[in-house]
Amino acid sequence: IMEGSIISAKRTAASAALAAQSLHPEESVKRLGLIG
């Protein structure tokens, strides 16, 4: 039994980063827009 919100946040972010890496493969990304 383990605290789950940290795991949840990190797996969500890892999924988003994997999607970005796959869909937006530009190595020179310098700007990121964040809403929320």
PDB file of all heavy atoms in Angstrom:
ATOM      1  N   ILE A   1       0.879  -1.168   0.000  1.00  0.00           N
ATOM      2  CA  ILE A   1       0.000   0.000   0.000  1.00  0.00           C
ATOM      3  C   ILE A   1       0.910   1.210   0.000  1.00  0.00           C
ATOM      4  O   ILE A   1       1.775   1.353   0.879  1.00  0.00           O
ATOM      5  CB  ILE A   1      -0.922   0.029   1.235  1.00  0.00           C
ATOM      6  CG1 ILE A   1      -1.810  -1.216   1.284  1.00  0.00           C
ATOM      7  CG2 ILE A   1      -1.783   1.289   1.231  1.00  0.00           C
ATOM      8  CD1 ILE A   1      -2.625  -1.335   2.558  1.00  0.00           C
ATOM      9  N   MET A   2       0.761   2.057  -1.000  1.00  0.00           N
ATOM     10  CA  MET A   2       1.658   3.209  -1.093  1.00  0.00           C
ATOM     11  C   MET A   2       0.887   4.467  -1.467  1.00  0.00           C
ATOM     12  O   MET A   2      -0.183   4.408  -2.086  1.00  0.00           O
ATOM     13  CB  MET A   2       2.777   2.944  -2.105  1.00  0.00           C
ATOM     14  CG  MET A   2       2.325   2.602  -3.506  1.00  0.00           C
ATOM     15  SD  MET A   2       3.718   2.102  -4.582  1.00  0.00           S
ATOM     16  CE  MET A   2       4.126   0.490  -3.915  1.00  0.00           C
ATOM     17  N   GLU A   3       1.429   5.598  -1.049  1.00  0.00           N
ATOM     18  CA  GLU A   3       0.856   6.883  -1.431  1.00  0.00           C
ATOM     19  C   GLU A   3       0.842   6.952  -2.958  1.00  0.00           C
ATOM     20  O   GLU A   3       1.835   6.639  -3.613  1.00  0.00           O
ATOM     21  CB  GLU A   3       1.688   8.018  -0.846  1.00  0.00           C
ATOM     22  CG  GLU A   3       0.983   9.379  -0.826  1.00  0.00           C
ATOM     23  CD  GLU A   3       0.915  10.054  -2.175  1.00  0.00           C
ATOM     24  OE1 GLU A   3       1.858   9.876  -2.984  1.00  0.00           O
ATOM     25  OE2 GLU A   3      -0.074  10.758  -2.437  1.00  0.00           O
ATOM     26  N   GLY A   4      -0.312   7.343  -3.518  1.00  0.00           N
ATOM     27  CA  GLY A   4      -0.472   7.226  -4.956  1.00  0.00           C
ATOM     28  C   GLY A   4      -0.490   8.507  -5.754  1.00  0.00           C
ATOM     29  O   GLY A   4      -0.390   8.462  -6.976  1.00  0.00           O
ATOM     30  N   SER A   5      -0.613   9.682  -5.117  1.00  0.00           N
ATOM     31  CA  SER A   5      -0.743  10.905  -5.914  1.00  0.00           C
ATOM     32  C   SER A   5       0.564  11.265  -6.621  1.00  0.00           C
ATOM     33  O   SER A   5       0.544  11.805  -7.729  1.00  0.00           O
ATOM     34  CB  SER A   5      -1.212  12.073  -5.042  1.00  0.00           C
ATOM     35  OG  SER A   5      -0.226  12.473  -4.117  1.00  0.00           O
ATOM     36  N   ILE A   6       1.695  10.966  -5.992  1.00  0.00           N
ATOM     37  CA  ILE A   6       2.988  11.233  -6.633  1.00  0.00           C
ATOM     38  C   ILE A   6       3.170  10.312  -7.827  1.00  0.00           C
ATOM     39  O   ILE A   6       3.586  10.750  -8.917  1.00  0.00           O
ATOM     40  CB  ILE A   6       4.126  11.071  -5.614  1.00  0.00           C
ATOM     41  CG1 ILE A   6       4.039  12.178  -4.559  1.00  0.00           C
ATOM     42  CG2 ILE A   6       5.494  11.095  -6.297  1.00  0.00           C
ATOM     43  CD1 ILE A   6       4.902  11.951  -3.353  1.00  0.00           C
ATOM     44  N   ILE A   7       2.854   9.035  -7.641  1.00  0.00           N
ATOM     45  CA  ILE A   7       2.918   8.091  -8.755  1.00  0.00           C
ATOM     46  C   ILE A   7       1.989   8.541  -9.877  1.00  0.00           C
ATOM     47  O   ILE A   7       2.360   8.534 -11.055  1.00  0.00           O
ATOM     48  CB  ILE A   7       2.548   6.678  -8.267  1.00  0.00           C
ATOM     49  CG1 ILE A   7       3.650   6.136  -7.364  1.00  0.00           C
ATOM     50  CG2 ILE A   7       2.288   5.732  -9.443  1.00  0.00           C
ATOM     51  CD1 ILE A   7       3.305   4.844  -6.661  1.00  0.00           C
ATOM     52  N   SER A   8       0.775   8.960  -9.515  1.00  0.00           N
ATOM     53  CA  SER A   8      -0.198   9.397 -10.510  1.00  0.00           C
ATOM     54  C   SER A   8       0.298  10.601 -11.298  1.00  0.00           C
ATOM     55  O   SER A   8       0.195  10.652 -12.527  1.00  0.00           O
ATOM     56  CB  SER A   8      -1.527   9.723  -9.816  1.00  0.00           C
ATOM     57  OG  SER A   8      -2.530  10.012 -10.755  1.00  0.00           O
ATOM     58  N   ALA A   9       0.856  11.580 -10.595  1.00  0.00           N
ATOM     59  CA  ALA A   9       1.349  12.783 -11.269  1.00  0.00           C
ATOM     60  C   ALA A   9       2.513  12.459 -12.191  1.00  0.00           C
ATOM     61  O   ALA A   9       2.592  12.959 -13.320  1.00  0.00           O
ATOM     62  CB  ALA A   9       1.761  13.824 -10.236  1.00  0.00           C
ATOM     63  N   LYS A  10       3.418  11.613 -11.726  1.00  0.00           N
ATOM     64  CA  LYS A  10       4.607  11.313 -12.530  1.00  0.00           C
ATOM     65  C   LYS A  10       4.283  10.412 -13.714  1.00  0.00           C
ATOM     66  O   LYS A  10       4.835  10.593 -14.806  1.00  0.00           O
ATOM     67  CB  LYS A  10       5.704  10.714 -11.650  1.00  0.00           C
ATOM     68  CG  LYS A  10       6.342  11.763 -10.732  1.00  0.00           C
ATOM     69  CD  LYS A  10       7.555  11.237 -10.005  1.00  0.00           C
ATOM     70  CE  LYS A  10       8.190  12.326  -9.135  1.00  0.00           C
ATOM     71  NZ  LYS A  10       8.821  13.400  -9.937  1.00  0.00           N
ATOM     72  N   ARG A  11       3.373   9.473 -13.550  1.00  0.00           N
ATOM     73  CA  ARG A  11       3.022   8.646 -14.712  1.00  0.00           C
ATOM     74  C   ARG A  11       2.259   9.469 -15.740  1.00  0.00           C
ATOM     75  O   ARG A  11       2.392   9.275 -16.949  1.00  0.00           O
ATOM     76  CB  ARG A  11       2.292   7.377 -14.298  1.00  0.00           C
ATOM     77  CG  ARG A  11       0.921   7.516 -13.635  1.00  0.00           C
ATOM     78  CD  ARG A  11      -0.206   7.709 -14.622  1.00  0.00           C
ATOM     79  NE  ARG A  11      -1.479   7.227 -14.141  1.00  0.00           N
ATOM     80  CZ  ARG A  11      -2.629   7.755 -14.517  1.00  0.00           C
ATOM     81  NH1 ARG A  11      -2.675   8.817 -15.321  1.00  0.00           N
ATOM     82  NH2 ARG A  11      -3.758   7.236 -14.063  1.00  0.00           N
ATOM     83  N   THR A  12       1.453  10.443 -15.274  1.00  0.00           N
ATOM     84  CA  THR A  12       0.748  11.326 -16.190  1.00  0.00           C
ATOM     85  C   THR A  12       1.738  12.178 -16.975  1.00  0.00           C
ATOM     86  O   THR A  12       1.632  12.323 -18.203  1.00  0.00           O
ATOM     87  CB  THR A  12      -0.226  12.229 -15.420  1.00  0.00           C
ATOM     88  OG1 THR A  12      -1.173  11.415 -14.734  1.00  0.00           O
ATOM     89  CG2 THR A  12      -0.957  13.183 -16.352  1.00  0.00           C
ATOM     90  N   ALA A  13       2.711  12.742 -16.277  1.00  0.00           N
ATOM     91  CA  ALA A  13       3.718  13.574 -16.938  1.00  0.00           C
ATOM     92  C   ALA A  13       4.595  12.748 -17.871  1.00  0.00           C
ATOM     93  O   ALA A  13       4.957  13.202 -18.964  1.00  0.00           O
ATOM     94  CB  ALA A  13       4.573  14.274 -15.883  1.00  0.00           C
ATOM     95  N   ALA A  14       4.938  11.533 -17.466  1.00  0.00           N
ATOM     96  CA  ALA A  14       5.748  10.662 -18.320  1.00  0.00           C
ATOM     97  C   ALA A  14       4.998  10.313 -19.595  1.00  0.00           C
ATOM     98  O   ALA A  14       5.586  10.279 -20.692  1.00  0.00           O
ATOM     99  CB  ALA A  14       6.134   9.398 -17.560  1.00  0.00           C
ATOM    100  N   SER A  15       3.689  10.059 -19.476  1.00  0.00           N
ATOM    101  CA  SER A  15       2.863   9.784 -20.648  1.00  0.00           C
ATOM    102  C   SER A  15       2.825  10.985 -21.583  1.00  0.00           C
ATOM    103  O   SER A  15       2.956  10.851 -22.812  1.00  0.00           O
ATOM    104  CB  SER A  15       1.450   9.417 -20.187  1.00  0.00           C
ATOM    105  OG  SER A  15       0.544   9.405 -21.269  1.00  0.00           O
ATOM    106  N   ALA A  16       2.647  12.180 -21.015  1.00  0.00           N
ATOM    107  CA  ALA A  16       2.617  13.398 -21.832  1.00  0.00           C
ATOM    108  C   ALA A  16       3.959  13.619 -22.529  1.00  0.00           C
ATOM    109  O   ALA A  16       4.000  14.008 -23.701  1.00  0.00           O
ATOM    110  CB  ALA A  16       2.272  14.598 -20.955  1.00  0.00           C
ATOM    111  N   ALA A  17       5.057  13.392 -21.823  1.00  0.00           N
ATOM    112  CA  ALA A  17       6.383  13.581 -22.412  1.00  0.00           C
ATOM    113  C   ALA A  17       6.640  12.562 -23.514  1.00  0.00           C
ATOM    114  O   ALA A  17       7.255  12.883 -24.546  1.00  0.00           O
ATOM    115  CB  ALA A  17       7.452  13.488 -21.332  1.00  0.00           C
ATOM    116  N   LEU A  18       6.183  11.326 -23.313  1.00  0.00           N
ATOM    117  CA  LEU A  18       6.328  10.313 -24.358  1.00  0.00           C
ATOM    118  C   LEU A  18       5.533  10.709 -25.601  1.00  0.00           C
ATOM    119  O   LEU A  18       6.007  10.544 -26.738  1.00  0.00           O
ATOM    120  CB  LEU A  18       5.849   8.956 -23.829  1.00  0.00           C
ATOM    121  CG  LEU A  18       5.937   7.781 -24.798  1.00  0.00           C
ATOM    122  CD1 LEU A  18       7.389   7.471 -25.145  1.00  0.00           C
ATOM    123  CD2 LEU A  18       5.257   6.543 -24.196  1.00  0.00           C
ATOM    124  N   ALA A  19       4.336  11.260 -25.382  1.00  0.00           N
ATOM    125  CA  ALA A  19       3.535  11.733 -26.519  1.00  0.00           C
ATOM    126  C   ALA A  19       4.235  12.885 -27.237  1.00  0.00           C
ATOM    127  O   ALA A  19       4.286  12.916 -28.473  1.00  0.00           O
ATOM    128  CB  ALA A  19       2.155  12.174 -26.038  1.00  0.00           C
ATOM    129  N   ALA A  20       4.784  13.827 -26.476  1.00  0.00           N
ATOM    130  CA  ALA A  20       5.487  14.948 -27.088  1.00  0.00           C
ATOM    131  C   ALA A  20       6.684  14.447 -27.895  1.00  0.00           C
ATOM    132  O   ALA A  20       6.917  14.885 -29.033  1.00  0.00           O
ATOM    133  CB  ALA A  20       5.949  15.930 -26.011  1.00  0.00           C
ATOM    134  N   GLN A  21       7.437  13.533 -27.324  1.00  0.00           N
ATOM    135  CA  GLN A  21       8.602  12.971 -28.008  1.00  0.00           C
ATOM    136  C   GLN A  21       8.198  12.280 -29.310  1.00  0.00           C
ATOM    137  O   GLN A  21       8.924  12.344 -30.308  1.00  0.00           O
ATOM    138  CB  GLN A  21       9.301  11.981 -27.080  1.00  0.00           C
ATOM    139  CG  GLN A  21      10.620  11.442 -27.581  1.00  0.00           C
ATOM    140  CD  GLN A  21      11.214  10.487 -26.565  1.00  0.00           C
ATOM    141  OE1 GLN A  21      10.587   9.494 -26.175  1.00  0.00           O
ATOM    142  NE2 GLN A  21      12.407  10.785 -26.091  1.00  0.00           N
ATOM    143  N   SER A  22       7.038  11.642 -29.308  1.00  0.00           N
ATOM    144  CA  SER A  22       6.579  10.899 -30.477  1.00  0.00           C
ATOM    145  C   SER A  22       5.922  11.786 -31.523  1.00  0.00           C
ATOM    146  O   SER A  22       6.053  11.543 -32.727  1.00  0.00           O
ATOM    147  CB  SER A  22       5.579   9.819 -30.034  1.00  0.00           C
ATOM    148  OG  SER A  22       6.156   8.958 -29.077  1.00  0.00           O
ATOM    149  N   LEU A  23       5.196  12.809 -31.079  1.00  0.00           N
ATOM    150  CA  LEU A  23       4.427  13.654 -31.988  1.00  0.00           C
ATOM    151  C   LEU A  23       5.134  14.947 -32.363  1.00  0.00           C
ATOM    152  O   LEU A  23       4.799  15.571 -33.371  1.00  0.00           O
ATOM    153  CB  LEU A  23       3.079  14.013 -31.344  1.00  0.00           C
ATOM    154  CG  LEU A  23       2.168  12.851 -30.968  1.00  0.00           C
ATOM    155  CD1 LEU A  23       0.985  13.353 -30.151  1.00  0.00           C
ATOM    156  CD2 LEU A  23       1.690  12.116 -32.206  1.00  0.00           C
ATOM    157  N   HIS A  24       6.088  15.350 -31.552  1.00  0.00           N
ATOM    158  CA  HIS A  24       6.750  16.644 -31.714  1.00  0.00           C
ATOM    159  C   HIS A  24       8.265  16.420 -31.600  1.00  0.00           C
ATOM    160  O   HIS A  24       8.898  16.870 -30.643  1.00  0.00           O
ATOM    161  CB  HIS A  24       6.260  17.591 -30.608  1.00  0.00           C
ATOM    162  CG  HIS A  24       6.345  19.047 -30.961  1.00  0.00           C
ATOM    163  ND1 HIS A  24       5.389  19.702 -31.686  1.00  0.00           N
ATOM    164  CD2 HIS A  24       7.281  19.973 -30.676  1.00  0.00           C
ATOM    165  CE1 HIS A  24       5.708  20.964 -31.822  1.00  0.00           C
ATOM    166  NE2 HIS A  24       6.861  21.158 -31.219  1.00  0.00           N
ATOM    167  N   PRO A  25       8.851  15.706 -32.562  1.00  0.00           N
ATOM    168  CA  PRO A  25      10.231  15.240 -32.414  1.00  0.00           C
ATOM    169  C   PRO A  25      11.323  16.278 -32.656  1.00  0.00           C
ATOM    170  O   PRO A  25      12.477  15.908 -32.859  1.00  0.00           O
ATOM    171  CB  PRO A  25      10.303  14.123 -33.456  1.00  0.00           C
ATOM    172  CG  PRO A  25       9.347  14.544 -34.528  1.00  0.00           C
ATOM    173  CD  PRO A  25       8.223  15.238 -33.800  1.00  0.00           C
ATOM    174  N   GLU A  26      10.964  17.544 -32.614  1.00  0.00           N
ATOM    175  CA  GLU A  26      11.980  18.581 -32.801  1.00  0.00           C
ATOM    176  C   GLU A  26      12.892  18.631 -31.571  1.00  0.00           C
ATOM    177  O   GLU A  26      12.441  18.834 -30.452  1.00  0.00           O
ATOM    178  CB  GLU A  26      11.308  19.946 -32.996  1.00  0.00           C
ATOM    179  CG  GLU A  26      10.320  19.978 -34.159  1.00  0.00           C
ATOM    180  CD  GLU A  26       9.532  21.288 -34.163  1.00  0.00           C
ATOM    181  OE1 GLU A  26      10.013  22.261 -33.552  1.00  0.00           O
ATOM    182  OE2 GLU A  26       8.463  21.318 -34.772  1.00  0.00           O
ATOM    183  N   GLU A  27      14.179  18.444 -31.776  1.00  0.00           N
ATOM    184  CA  GLU A  27      15.115  18.420 -30.652  1.00  0.00           C
ATOM    185  C   GLU A  27      15.384  19.813 -30.091  1.00  0.00           C
ATOM    186  O   GLU A  27      15.912  19.949 -28.993  1.00  0.00           O
ATOM    187  CB  GLU A  27      16.428  17.773 -31.080  1.00  0.00           C
ATOM    188  CG  GLU A  27      16.273  16.300 -31.468  1.00  0.00           C
ATOM    189  CD  GLU A  27      17.592  15.675 -31.872  1.00  0.00           C
ATOM    190  OE1 GLU A  27      18.618  16.413 -31.850  1.00  0.00           O
ATOM    191  OE2 GLU A  27      17.600  14.484 -32.206  1.00  0.00           O
ATOM    192  N   SER A  28      15.030  20.841 -30.848  1.00  0.00           N
ATOM    193  CA  SER A  28      15.395  22.203 -30.449  1.00  0.00           C
ATOM    194  C   SER A  28      14.261  22.954 -29.754  1.00  0.00           C
ATOM    195  O   SER A  28      14.258  24.181 -29.747  1.00  0.00           O
ATOM    196  CB  SER A  28      15.846  22.996 -31.683  1.00  0.00           C
ATOM    197  OG  SER A  28      14.802  23.057 -32.644  1.00  0.00           O
ATOM    198  N   VAL A  29      13.291  22.261 -29.187  1.00  0.00           N
ATOM    199  CA  VAL A  29      12.187  22.939 -28.504  1.00  0.00           C
ATOM    200  C   VAL A  29      12.731  23.759 -27.340  1.00  0.00           C
ATOM    201  O   VAL A  29      13.402  23.234 -26.451  1.00  0.00           O
ATOM    202  CB  VAL A  29      11.144  21.921 -28.000  1.00  0.00           C
ATOM    203  CG1 VAL A  29      10.116  22.607 -27.114  1.00  0.00           C
ATOM    204  CG2 VAL A  29      10.461  21.235 -29.169  1.00  0.00           C
ATOM    205  N   LYS A  30      12.449  25.040 -27.343  1.00  0.00           N
ATOM    206  CA  LYS A  30      12.924  25.931 -26.286  1.00  0.00           C
ATOM    207  C   LYS A  30      11.784  26.554 -25.488  1.00  0.00           C
ATOM    208  O   LYS A  30      12.005  27.030 -24.375  1.00  0.00           O
ATOM    209  CB  LYS A  30      13.800  27.037 -26.891  1.00  0.00           C
ATOM    210  CG  LYS A  30      15.078  26.520 -27.518  1.00  0.00           C
ATOM    211  CD  LYS A  30      15.938  27.653 -28.051  1.00  0.00           C
ATOM    212  CE  LYS A  30      17.233  27.108 -28.631  1.00  0.00           C
ATOM    213  NZ  LYS A  30      18.098  28.203 -29.169  1.00  0.00           N
ATOM    214  N   ARG A  31      10.569  26.559 -26.077  1.00  0.00           N
ATOM    215  CA  ARG A  31       9.424  27.178 -25.423  1.00  0.00           C
ATOM    216  C   ARG A  31       8.323  26.149 -25.214  1.00  0.00           C
ATOM    217  O   ARG A  31       8.072  25.300 -26.051  1.00  0.00           O
ATOM    218  CB  ARG A  31       8.866  28.335 -26.250  1.00  0.00           C
ATOM    219  CG  ARG A  31       9.779  29.529 -26.373  1.00  0.00           C
ATOM    220  CD  ARG A  31       9.106  30.617 -27.207  1.00  0.00           C
ATOM    221  NE  ARG A  31       7.872  31.090 -26.601  1.00  0.00           N
ATOM    222  CZ  ARG A  31       7.811  32.107 -25.738  1.00  0.00           C
ATOM    223  NH1 ARG A  31       8.915  32.748 -25.391  1.00  0.00           N
ATOM    224  NH2 ARG A  31       6.657  32.491 -25.238  1.00  0.00           N
ATOM    225  N   LEU A  32       7.661  26.274 -24.080  1.00  0.00           N
ATOM    226  CA  LEU A  32       6.549  25.400 -23.742  1.00  0.00           C
ATOM    227  C   LEU A  32       5.403  26.255 -23.227  1.00  0.00           C
ATOM    228  O   LEU A  32       5.605  27.123 -22.374  1.00  0.00           O
ATOM    229  CB  LEU A  32       6.973  24.393 -22.671  1.00  0.00           C
ATOM    230  CG  LEU A  32       5.876  23.540 -22.029  1.00  0.00           C
ATOM    231  CD1 LEU A  32       5.233  22.615 -23.057  1.00  0.00           C
ATOM    232  CD2 LEU A  32       6.452  22.740 -20.858  1.00  0.00           C
ATOM    233  N   GLY A  33       4.210  26.007 -23.739  1.00  0.00           N
ATOM    234  CA  GLY A  33       3.028  26.697 -23.243  1.00  0.00           C
ATOM    235  C   GLY A  33       2.303  25.834 -22.227  1.00  0.00           C
ATOM    236  O   GLY A  33       2.114  24.634 -22.449  1.00  0.00           O
ATOM    237  N   LEU A  34       1.906  26.438 -21.120  1.00  0.00           N
ATOM    238  CA  LEU A  34       1.236  25.716 -20.045  1.00  0.00           C
ATOM    239  C   LEU A  34      -0.055  26.429 -19.673  1.00  0.00           C
ATOM    240  O   LEU A  34      -0.021  27.608 -19.300  1.00  0.00           O
ATOM    241  CB  LEU A  34       2.139  25.617 -18.810  1.00  0.00           C
ATOM    242  CG  LEU A  34       3.473  24.892 -18.981  1.00  0.00           C
ATOM    243  CD1 LEU A  34       4.337  25.092 -17.743  1.00  0.00           C
ATOM    244  CD2 LEU A  34       3.251  23.412 -19.246  1.00  0.00           C
ATOM    245  N   ILE A  35      -1.168  25.724 -19.747  1.00  0.00           N
ATOM    246  CA  ILE A  35      -2.449  26.273 -19.325  1.00  0.00           C
ATOM    247  C   ILE A  35      -2.896  25.458 -18.121  1.00  0.00           C
ATOM    248  O   ILE A  35      -3.184  24.263 -18.225  1.00  0.00           O
ATOM    249  CB  ILE A  35      -3.475  26.219 -20.470  1.00  0.00           C
ATOM    250  CG1 ILE A  35      -2.983  27.098 -21.630  1.00  0.00           C
ATOM    251  CG2 ILE A  35      -4.847  26.678 -19.987  1.00  0.00           C
ATOM    252  CD1 ILE A  35      -3.764  26.914 -22.914  1.00  0.00           C
ATOM    253  N   GLY A  36      -2.924  26.104 -16.972  1.00  0.00           N
ATOM    254  CA  GLY A  36      -3.145  25.428 -15.699  1.00  0.00           C
ATOM    255  C   GLY A  36      -1.840  25.339 -14.939  1.00  0.00           C
ATOM    256  O   GLY A  36      -0.889  24.699 -15.389  1.00  0.00           O
TER     257      GLY A  36
END
